[in-house]
Amino acid sequence: MKYRVAYWLAIWFGCGRVPLMPGTAGTVGAVPLYLLLAPGGPLVVAAGALLVALVGVWAATQVVRQTGLPDPQIVCIDEVAGVLITLAAAPYNWQGVLASVVLFRIFDQFKPWPARRAEKLREGWGVVMDDVFAGLWGAIVVGVARAMGVAVGAR
């Protein structure tokens, strides 16, 4: 039973089973959770991201141990945590969501420091922390863009 719960959380309720681009599916699959959290403000979204990241480490560790793979492609709860971090810095509108999703996916693919290094952590920590850092990079870019008056919508 414990593994089943971990598995469904790790694949974010089926997003990780999408045959092409499960990471992107997991990123988009985070949007409903964001829409539930966002009316509470950026701190609520950030707290949600932290909770998802911590649960994600546990769930991903279970799947890593079961599959024997260091970063199973089906695990996408890490993308959920990462994009929520970026979304915490974004305005609560469709432009903010779109910009956050795109920026997060770019940083998740390129893995700027320290994301690439975080992949080397053990089990679920390595699976999740690279996406946490990608999400932080996305949040920084969104925050700088907003501070410079670049249009990602108003809050």
N, C-alpha and C. Protein backbone atom coordinates (compact mmCIF):
# COMPACT_ATOMS: atom_id res chain seq x y z
N MET A 1 0.82 -1.20 0.00
CA MET A 1 0.00 0.00 0.00
C MET A 1 0.87 1.27 0.00
N LYS A 2 1.93 1.27 0.82
CA LYS A 2 2.82 2.43 0.89
C LYS A 2 3.43 2.71 -0.49
N TYR A 3 3.84 1.67 -1.19
CA TYR A 3 4.44 1.88 -2.51
C TYR A 3 3.40 2.41 -3.50
N ARG A 4 2.19 1.92 -3.44
CA ARG A 4 1.15 2.41 -4.36
C ARG A 4 0.91 3.90 -4.18
N VAL A 5 0.83 4.34 -2.95
CA VAL A 5 0.65 5.77 -2.68
C VAL A 5 1.85 6.55 -3.21
N ALA A 6 3.05 6.07 -2.91
CA ALA A 6 4.27 6.73 -3.38
C ALA A 6 4.30 6.77 -4.90
N TYR A 7 3.94 5.68 -5.53
CA TYR A 7 3.97 5.58 -6.99
C TYR A 7 3.02 6.61 -7.61
N TRP A 8 1.77 6.67 -7.14
CA TRP A 8 0.80 7.59 -7.73
C TRP A 8 1.17 9.04 -7.48
N LEU A 9 1.76 9.32 -6.35
CA LEU A 9 2.25 10.67 -6.11
C LEU A 9 3.45 10.96 -7.01
N ALA A 10 4.37 10.01 -7.10
CA ALA A 10 5.59 10.21 -7.90
C ALA A 10 5.26 10.45 -9.36
N ILE A 11 4.27 9.75 -9.89
CA ILE A 11 3.90 9.94 -11.31
C ILE A 11 2.83 11.03 -11.45
N TRP A 12 2.59 11.74 -10.37
CA TRP A 12 1.61 12.82 -10.29
C TRP A 12 0.29 12.42 -10.95
N PHE A 13 -0.28 11.35 -10.37
CA PHE A 13 -1.62 10.90 -10.73
C PHE A 13 -1.76 10.56 -12.20
N GLY A 14 -0.69 10.04 -12.80
CA GLY A 14 -0.74 9.57 -14.17
C GLY A 14 0.05 10.40 -15.16
N CYS A 15 0.42 11.62 -14.81
CA CYS A 15 1.16 12.47 -15.75
C CYS A 15 2.46 11.81 -16.20
N GLY A 16 3.13 11.11 -15.31
CA GLY A 16 4.40 10.47 -15.64
C GLY A 16 4.26 9.29 -16.58
N ARG A 17 3.04 8.83 -16.83
CA ARG A 17 2.80 7.73 -17.75
C ARG A 17 2.52 8.21 -19.17
N VAL A 18 2.50 9.53 -19.38
CA VAL A 18 2.33 10.07 -20.73
C VAL A 18 3.53 9.60 -21.55
N PRO A 19 3.29 8.98 -22.71
CA PRO A 19 4.41 8.37 -23.45
C PRO A 19 5.49 9.35 -23.93
N LEU A 20 5.09 10.54 -24.34
CA LEU A 20 6.06 11.53 -24.80
C LEU A 20 6.09 12.69 -23.82
N MET A 21 7.26 13.08 -23.43
CA MET A 21 7.48 14.24 -22.57
C MET A 21 6.72 14.18 -21.24
N PRO A 22 6.96 13.14 -20.44
CA PRO A 22 6.27 13.06 -19.15
C PRO A 22 6.64 14.21 -18.21
N GLY A 23 7.84 14.76 -18.34
CA GLY A 23 8.22 15.90 -17.51
C GLY A 23 7.37 17.12 -17.82
N THR A 24 7.11 17.35 -19.09
CA THR A 24 6.24 18.45 -19.48
C THR A 24 4.82 18.19 -19.01
N ALA A 25 4.38 16.94 -19.11
CA ALA A 25 3.03 16.58 -18.62
C ALA A 25 2.94 16.84 -17.12
N GLY A 26 3.97 16.50 -16.37
CA GLY A 26 3.98 16.76 -14.94
C GLY A 26 3.97 18.25 -14.63
N THR A 27 4.69 19.02 -15.43
CA THR A 27 4.72 20.47 -15.25
C THR A 27 3.32 21.05 -15.46
N VAL A 28 2.68 20.65 -16.54
CA VAL A 28 1.33 21.13 -16.82
C VAL A 28 0.36 20.57 -15.78
N GLY A 29 0.62 19.36 -15.32
CA GLY A 29 -0.23 18.75 -14.29
C GLY A 29 -0.17 19.46 -12.96
N ALA A 30 0.80 20.33 -12.76
CA ALA A 30 0.90 21.12 -11.53
C ALA A 30 -0.04 22.32 -11.54
N VAL A 31 -0.50 22.72 -12.70
CA VAL A 31 -1.31 23.94 -12.81
C VAL A 31 -2.60 23.86 -11.99
N PRO A 32 -3.34 22.75 -11.99
CA PRO A 32 -4.54 22.73 -11.13
C PRO A 32 -4.22 22.96 -9.64
N LEU A 33 -3.13 22.38 -9.17
CA LEU A 33 -2.74 22.61 -7.77
C LEU A 33 -2.40 24.09 -7.57
N TYR A 34 -1.68 24.67 -8.52
CA TYR A 34 -1.36 26.09 -8.44
C TYR A 34 -2.64 26.93 -8.36
N LEU A 35 -3.62 26.60 -9.20
CA LEU A 35 -4.86 27.37 -9.21
C LEU A 35 -5.61 27.27 -7.89
N LEU A 36 -5.44 26.16 -7.19
CA LEU A 36 -6.03 26.03 -5.86
C LEU A 36 -5.28 26.85 -4.81
N LEU A 37 -3.96 26.91 -4.94
CA LEU A 37 -3.13 27.59 -3.95
C LEU A 37 -3.00 29.10 -4.18
N ALA A 38 -2.98 29.52 -5.43
CA ALA A 38 -2.65 30.91 -5.78
C ALA A 38 -3.53 31.96 -5.13
N PRO A 39 -4.84 31.74 -4.95
CA PRO A 39 -5.63 32.79 -4.29
C PRO A 39 -5.12 33.11 -2.88
N GLY A 40 -4.38 32.21 -2.27
CA GLY A 40 -3.80 32.47 -0.95
C GLY A 40 -2.54 33.31 -1.01
N GLY A 41 -2.03 33.55 -2.19
CA GLY A 41 -0.85 34.40 -2.36
C GLY A 41 0.43 33.60 -2.56
N PRO A 42 1.51 34.32 -2.85
CA PRO A 42 2.78 33.68 -3.17
C PRO A 42 3.35 32.81 -2.04
N LEU A 43 3.14 33.21 -0.80
CA LEU A 43 3.67 32.39 0.31
C LEU A 43 2.95 31.05 0.40
N VAL A 44 1.68 31.03 0.11
CA VAL A 44 0.93 29.77 0.12
C VAL A 44 1.42 28.87 -1.02
N VAL A 45 1.67 29.45 -2.19
CA VAL A 45 2.20 28.68 -3.32
C VAL A 45 3.58 28.14 -2.97
N ALA A 46 4.43 28.98 -2.37
CA ALA A 46 5.77 28.54 -1.97
C ALA A 46 5.70 27.43 -0.92
N ALA A 47 4.78 27.55 0.03
CA ALA A 47 4.61 26.49 1.04
C ALA A 47 4.14 25.20 0.38
N GLY A 48 3.26 25.32 -0.59
CA GLY A 48 2.81 24.14 -1.34
C GLY A 48 3.96 23.49 -2.09
N ALA A 49 4.83 24.32 -2.67
CA ALA A 49 6.00 23.80 -3.38
C ALA A 49 6.93 23.04 -2.42
N LEU A 50 7.12 23.60 -1.24
CA LEU A 50 7.97 22.94 -0.24
C LEU A 50 7.37 21.60 0.17
N LEU A 51 6.08 21.58 0.42
CA LEU A 51 5.42 20.33 0.81
C LEU A 51 5.51 19.29 -0.31
N VAL A 52 5.26 19.71 -1.54
CA VAL A 52 5.35 18.78 -2.68
C VAL A 52 6.78 18.27 -2.82
N ALA A 53 7.76 19.15 -2.64
CA ALA A 53 9.17 18.72 -2.75
C ALA A 53 9.50 17.67 -1.69
N LEU A 54 9.08 17.90 -0.46
CA LEU A 54 9.38 16.94 0.61
C LEU A 54 8.67 15.60 0.38
N VAL A 55 7.40 15.66 0.02
CA VAL A 55 6.68 14.42 -0.31
C VAL A 55 7.30 13.78 -1.54
N GLY A 56 7.73 14.61 -2.48
CA GLY A 56 8.36 14.12 -3.70
C GLY A 56 9.64 13.36 -3.44
N VAL A 57 10.45 13.83 -2.50
CA VAL A 57 11.68 13.10 -2.16
C VAL A 57 11.33 11.70 -1.66
N TRP A 58 10.35 11.61 -0.78
CA TRP A 58 9.93 10.31 -0.26
C TRP A 58 9.39 9.43 -1.38
N ALA A 59 8.45 9.96 -2.18
CA ALA A 59 7.82 9.17 -3.23
C ALA A 59 8.83 8.75 -4.29
N ALA A 60 9.68 9.67 -4.70
CA ALA A 60 10.68 9.34 -5.72
C ALA A 60 11.66 8.30 -5.21
N THR A 61 12.02 8.38 -3.94
CA THR A 61 12.92 7.38 -3.35
C THR A 61 12.30 5.99 -3.44
N GLN A 62 11.02 5.89 -3.18
CA GLN A 62 10.35 4.58 -3.25
C GLN A 62 10.41 4.02 -4.68
N VAL A 63 10.16 4.87 -5.66
CA VAL A 63 10.17 4.43 -7.06
C VAL A 63 11.60 4.11 -7.51
N VAL A 64 12.56 4.92 -7.10
CA VAL A 64 13.98 4.64 -7.42
C VAL A 64 14.37 3.27 -6.88
N ARG A 65 14.03 3.00 -5.65
CA ARG A 65 14.38 1.71 -5.05
C ARG A 65 13.67 0.55 -5.75
N GLN A 66 12.42 0.74 -6.11
CA GLN A 66 11.65 -0.32 -6.75
C GLN A 66 12.15 -0.61 -8.16
N THR A 67 12.48 0.45 -8.92
CA THR A 67 12.88 0.27 -10.32
C THR A 67 14.37 0.03 -10.48
N GLY A 68 15.17 0.48 -9.52
CA GLY A 68 16.62 0.38 -9.64
C GLY A 68 17.21 1.43 -10.56
N LEU A 69 16.40 2.38 -11.02
CA LEU A 69 16.88 3.45 -11.90
C LEU A 69 17.19 4.69 -11.07
N PRO A 70 18.27 5.41 -11.38
CA PRO A 70 18.63 6.58 -10.58
C PRO A 70 17.63 7.74 -10.71
N ASP A 71 16.98 7.88 -11.86
CA ASP A 71 16.00 8.94 -12.07
C ASP A 71 14.96 8.44 -13.06
N PRO A 72 14.00 7.63 -12.58
CA PRO A 72 13.00 7.06 -13.49
C PRO A 72 12.22 8.15 -14.21
N GLN A 73 12.08 8.00 -15.52
CA GLN A 73 11.42 9.01 -16.34
C GLN A 73 9.95 9.20 -15.94
N ILE A 74 9.34 8.19 -15.37
CA ILE A 74 7.93 8.30 -14.99
C ILE A 74 7.71 9.21 -13.79
N VAL A 75 8.74 9.44 -13.00
CA VAL A 75 8.61 10.31 -11.83
C VAL A 75 8.54 11.76 -12.30
N CYS A 76 7.45 12.43 -11.97
CA CYS A 76 7.32 13.83 -12.37
C CYS A 76 6.83 14.73 -11.24
N ILE A 77 6.75 14.22 -10.02
CA ILE A 77 6.40 15.07 -8.89
C ILE A 77 7.49 16.13 -8.68
N ASP A 78 8.70 15.83 -9.15
CA ASP A 78 9.78 16.80 -9.07
C ASP A 78 9.50 18.02 -9.94
N GLU A 79 8.91 17.81 -11.11
CA GLU A 79 8.52 18.93 -11.96
C GLU A 79 7.41 19.76 -11.30
N VAL A 80 6.52 19.09 -10.61
CA VAL A 80 5.43 19.79 -9.92
C VAL A 80 6.02 20.74 -8.87
N ALA A 81 6.94 20.24 -8.07
CA ALA A 81 7.57 21.08 -7.05
C ALA A 81 8.34 22.23 -7.69
N GLY A 82 9.10 21.94 -8.72
CA GLY A 82 9.92 22.97 -9.37
C GLY A 82 9.10 24.07 -10.00
N VAL A 83 8.06 23.71 -10.75
CA VAL A 83 7.27 24.76 -11.41
C VAL A 83 6.47 25.55 -10.39
N LEU A 84 6.07 24.94 -9.29
CA LEU A 84 5.37 25.70 -8.24
C LEU A 84 6.29 26.78 -7.66
N ILE A 85 7.57 26.49 -7.56
CA ILE A 85 8.52 27.49 -7.07
C ILE A 85 8.55 28.69 -8.02
N THR A 86 8.63 28.41 -9.32
CA THR A 86 8.62 29.50 -10.30
C THR A 86 7.30 30.24 -10.25
N LEU A 87 6.20 29.50 -10.16
CA LEU A 87 4.87 30.12 -10.13
C LEU A 87 4.67 31.00 -8.90
N ALA A 88 5.36 30.70 -7.81
CA ALA A 88 5.23 31.52 -6.60
C ALA A 88 5.69 32.95 -6.85
N ALA A 89 6.57 33.15 -7.81
CA ALA A 89 7.08 34.49 -8.13
C ALA A 89 6.27 35.19 -9.21
N ALA A 90 5.37 34.46 -9.84
CA ALA A 90 4.66 34.99 -11.00
C ALA A 90 3.35 35.65 -10.62
N PRO A 91 2.88 36.56 -11.47
CA PRO A 91 1.55 37.11 -11.24
C PRO A 91 0.49 36.03 -11.46
N TYR A 92 -0.62 36.19 -10.81
CA TYR A 92 -1.71 35.21 -10.86
C TYR A 92 -2.61 35.52 -12.06
N ASN A 93 -2.12 35.15 -13.24
CA ASN A 93 -2.88 35.30 -14.48
C ASN A 93 -2.32 34.32 -15.50
N TRP A 94 -2.97 34.21 -16.64
CA TRP A 94 -2.54 33.20 -17.61
C TRP A 94 -1.14 33.50 -18.16
N GLN A 95 -0.78 34.79 -18.28
CA GLN A 95 0.56 35.12 -18.78
C GLN A 95 1.63 34.68 -17.78
N GLY A 96 1.34 34.87 -16.50
CA GLY A 96 2.28 34.44 -15.47
C GLY A 96 2.45 32.93 -15.45
N VAL A 97 1.34 32.21 -15.61
CA VAL A 97 1.41 30.75 -15.65
C VAL A 97 2.20 30.29 -16.87
N LEU A 98 1.89 30.84 -18.02
CA LEU A 98 2.58 30.44 -19.25
C LEU A 98 4.08 30.75 -19.17
N ALA A 99 4.42 31.96 -18.73
CA ALA A 99 5.84 32.33 -18.61
C ALA A 99 6.56 31.41 -17.63
N SER A 100 5.92 31.09 -16.53
CA SER A 100 6.53 30.23 -15.51
C SER A 100 6.76 28.82 -16.04
N VAL A 101 5.76 28.28 -16.71
CA VAL A 101 5.89 26.92 -17.26
C VAL A 101 7.03 26.87 -18.28
N VAL A 102 7.07 27.84 -19.18
CA VAL A 102 8.12 27.86 -20.22
C VAL A 102 9.50 28.04 -19.58
N LEU A 103 9.63 29.02 -18.69
CA LEU A 103 10.93 29.25 -18.05
C LEU A 103 11.39 28.03 -17.25
N PHE A 104 10.47 27.45 -16.49
CA PHE A 104 10.85 26.27 -15.71
C PHE A 104 11.33 25.15 -16.63
N ARG A 105 10.60 24.88 -17.72
CA ARG A 105 11.01 23.80 -18.62
C ARG A 105 12.39 24.09 -19.22
N ILE A 106 12.67 25.33 -19.56
CA ILE A 106 13.99 25.68 -20.10
C ILE A 106 15.07 25.40 -19.07
N PHE A 107 14.88 25.88 -17.85
CA PHE A 107 15.89 25.66 -16.81
C PHE A 107 15.99 24.19 -16.42
N ASP A 108 14.88 23.47 -16.48
CA ASP A 108 14.92 22.04 -16.18
C ASP A 108 15.72 21.28 -17.24
N GLN A 109 15.65 21.71 -18.49
CA GLN A 109 16.40 21.05 -19.56
C GLN A 109 17.90 21.38 -19.49
N PHE A 110 18.23 22.65 -19.27
CA PHE A 110 19.63 23.07 -19.30
C PHE A 110 20.35 22.87 -17.97
N LYS A 111 19.62 22.80 -16.89
CA LYS A 111 20.15 22.52 -15.56
C LYS A 111 21.35 23.39 -15.19
N PRO A 112 21.13 24.71 -15.06
CA PRO A 112 22.24 25.57 -14.63
C PRO A 112 22.62 25.28 -13.18
N TRP A 113 23.84 25.68 -12.81
CA TRP A 113 24.34 25.45 -11.46
C TRP A 113 23.33 25.95 -10.45
N PRO A 114 23.09 25.24 -9.40
CA PRO A 114 23.63 23.94 -9.00
C PRO A 114 22.73 22.75 -9.36
N ALA A 115 21.81 22.94 -10.31
CA ALA A 115 20.87 21.88 -10.65
C ALA A 115 21.57 20.61 -11.13
N ARG A 116 22.52 20.74 -12.03
CA ARG A 116 23.21 19.56 -12.55
C ARG A 116 23.93 18.83 -11.42
N ARG A 117 24.51 19.58 -10.54
CA ARG A 117 25.22 18.97 -9.41
C ARG A 117 24.25 18.26 -8.46
N ALA A 118 23.06 18.82 -8.28
CA ALA A 118 22.07 18.24 -7.39
C ALA A 118 21.59 16.87 -7.88
N GLU A 119 21.65 16.64 -9.18
CA GLU A 119 21.25 15.34 -9.73
C GLU A 119 22.07 14.20 -9.14
N LYS A 120 23.24 14.50 -8.65
CA LYS A 120 24.13 13.46 -8.11
C LYS A 120 23.78 13.05 -6.68
N LEU A 121 22.84 13.77 -6.07
CA LEU A 121 22.41 13.39 -4.72
C LEU A 121 21.74 12.01 -4.77
N ARG A 122 21.66 11.37 -3.60
CA ARG A 122 21.13 10.01 -3.54
C ARG A 122 19.61 9.96 -3.66
N GLU A 123 19.16 8.97 -4.38
CA GLU A 123 17.76 8.58 -4.48
C GLU A 123 16.84 9.75 -4.78
N GLY A 124 15.76 9.90 -4.02
CA GLY A 124 14.77 10.94 -4.28
C GLY A 124 15.32 12.34 -4.18
N TRP A 125 16.35 12.54 -3.37
CA TRP A 125 16.96 13.87 -3.27
C TRP A 125 17.51 14.32 -4.62
N GLY A 126 18.19 13.44 -5.32
CA GLY A 126 18.73 13.78 -6.64
C GLY A 126 17.65 13.99 -7.68
N VAL A 127 16.58 13.21 -7.56
CA VAL A 127 15.47 13.34 -8.50
C VAL A 127 14.79 14.70 -8.34
N VAL A 128 14.58 15.12 -7.11
CA VAL A 128 13.78 16.31 -6.84
C VAL A 128 14.61 17.60 -6.82
N MET A 129 15.79 17.57 -6.25
CA MET A 129 16.51 18.83 -6.01
C MET A 129 16.97 19.53 -7.28
N ASP A 130 17.26 18.80 -8.35
CA ASP A 130 17.63 19.50 -9.59
C ASP A 130 16.45 20.34 -10.09
N ASP A 131 15.23 19.84 -9.91
CA ASP A 131 14.06 20.60 -10.33
C ASP A 131 13.76 21.76 -9.38
N VAL A 132 14.06 21.59 -8.12
CA VAL A 132 13.92 22.69 -7.17
C VAL A 132 14.83 23.84 -7.60
N PHE A 133 16.06 23.53 -7.96
CA PHE A 133 16.98 24.59 -8.40
C PHE A 133 16.55 25.19 -9.73
N ALA A 134 16.04 24.37 -10.64
CA ALA A 134 15.51 24.91 -11.90
C ALA A 134 14.34 25.85 -11.60
N GLY A 135 13.49 25.47 -10.66
CA GLY A 135 12.38 26.33 -10.26
C GLY A 135 12.84 27.64 -9.65
N LEU A 136 13.91 27.58 -8.86
CA LEU A 136 14.47 28.80 -8.28
C LEU A 136 15.00 29.73 -9.36
N TRP A 137 15.69 29.16 -10.36
CA TRP A 137 16.18 29.98 -11.47
C TRP A 137 15.01 30.63 -12.20
N GLY A 138 13.94 29.86 -12.43
CA GLY A 138 12.76 30.42 -13.07
C GLY A 138 12.16 31.54 -12.25
N ALA A 139 12.09 31.36 -10.93
CA ALA A 139 11.54 32.39 -10.05
C ALA A 139 12.38 33.66 -10.08
N ILE A 140 13.69 33.48 -10.14
CA ILE A 140 14.58 34.65 -10.21
C ILE A 140 14.32 35.44 -11.49
N VAL A 141 14.22 34.72 -12.61
CA VAL A 141 13.99 35.41 -13.89
C VAL A 141 12.63 36.11 -13.89
N VAL A 142 11.60 35.44 -13.40
CA VAL A 142 10.27 36.06 -13.32
C VAL A 142 10.32 37.29 -12.42
N GLY A 143 10.98 37.15 -11.27
CA GLY A 143 11.08 38.28 -10.35
C GLY A 143 11.83 39.46 -10.95
N VAL A 144 12.93 39.19 -11.62
CA VAL A 144 13.70 40.27 -12.26
C VAL A 144 12.88 40.92 -13.37
N ALA A 145 12.20 40.10 -14.17
CA ALA A 145 11.37 40.64 -15.25
C ALA A 145 10.28 41.55 -14.69
N ARG A 146 9.66 41.11 -13.61
CA ARG A 146 8.61 41.94 -13.00
C ARG A 146 9.19 43.24 -12.44
N ALA A 147 10.37 43.15 -11.81
CA ALA A 147 11.00 44.34 -11.25
C ALA A 147 11.38 45.33 -12.33
N MET A 148 11.71 44.82 -13.52
CA MET A 148 12.09 45.68 -14.64
C MET A 148 10.88 46.17 -15.42
N GLY A 149 9.71 45.72 -15.02
CA GLY A 149 8.49 46.17 -15.69
C GLY A 149 8.17 45.41 -16.97
N VAL A 150 8.85 44.27 -17.18
CA VAL A 150 8.55 43.45 -18.36
C VAL A 150 7.17 42.86 -18.15
N ALA A 151 6.35 42.93 -19.16
CA ALA A 151 4.94 42.53 -19.04
C ALA A 151 4.79 41.01 -18.94
N VAL A 152 4.51 40.55 -17.74
CA VAL A 152 4.03 39.18 -17.54
C VAL A 152 2.67 39.27 -16.86
N GLY A 153 2.05 40.43 -17.01
CA GLY A 153 0.74 40.65 -16.40
C GLY A 153 0.87 41.31 -15.04
N ALA A 154 -0.20 41.82 -14.55
CA ALA A 154 -0.21 42.44 -13.22
C ALA A 154 -0.80 41.48 -12.20
N ARG A 155 -0.48 41.69 -10.95
CA ARG A 155 -1.03 40.86 -9.88
C ARG A 155 -2.24 41.52 -9.31
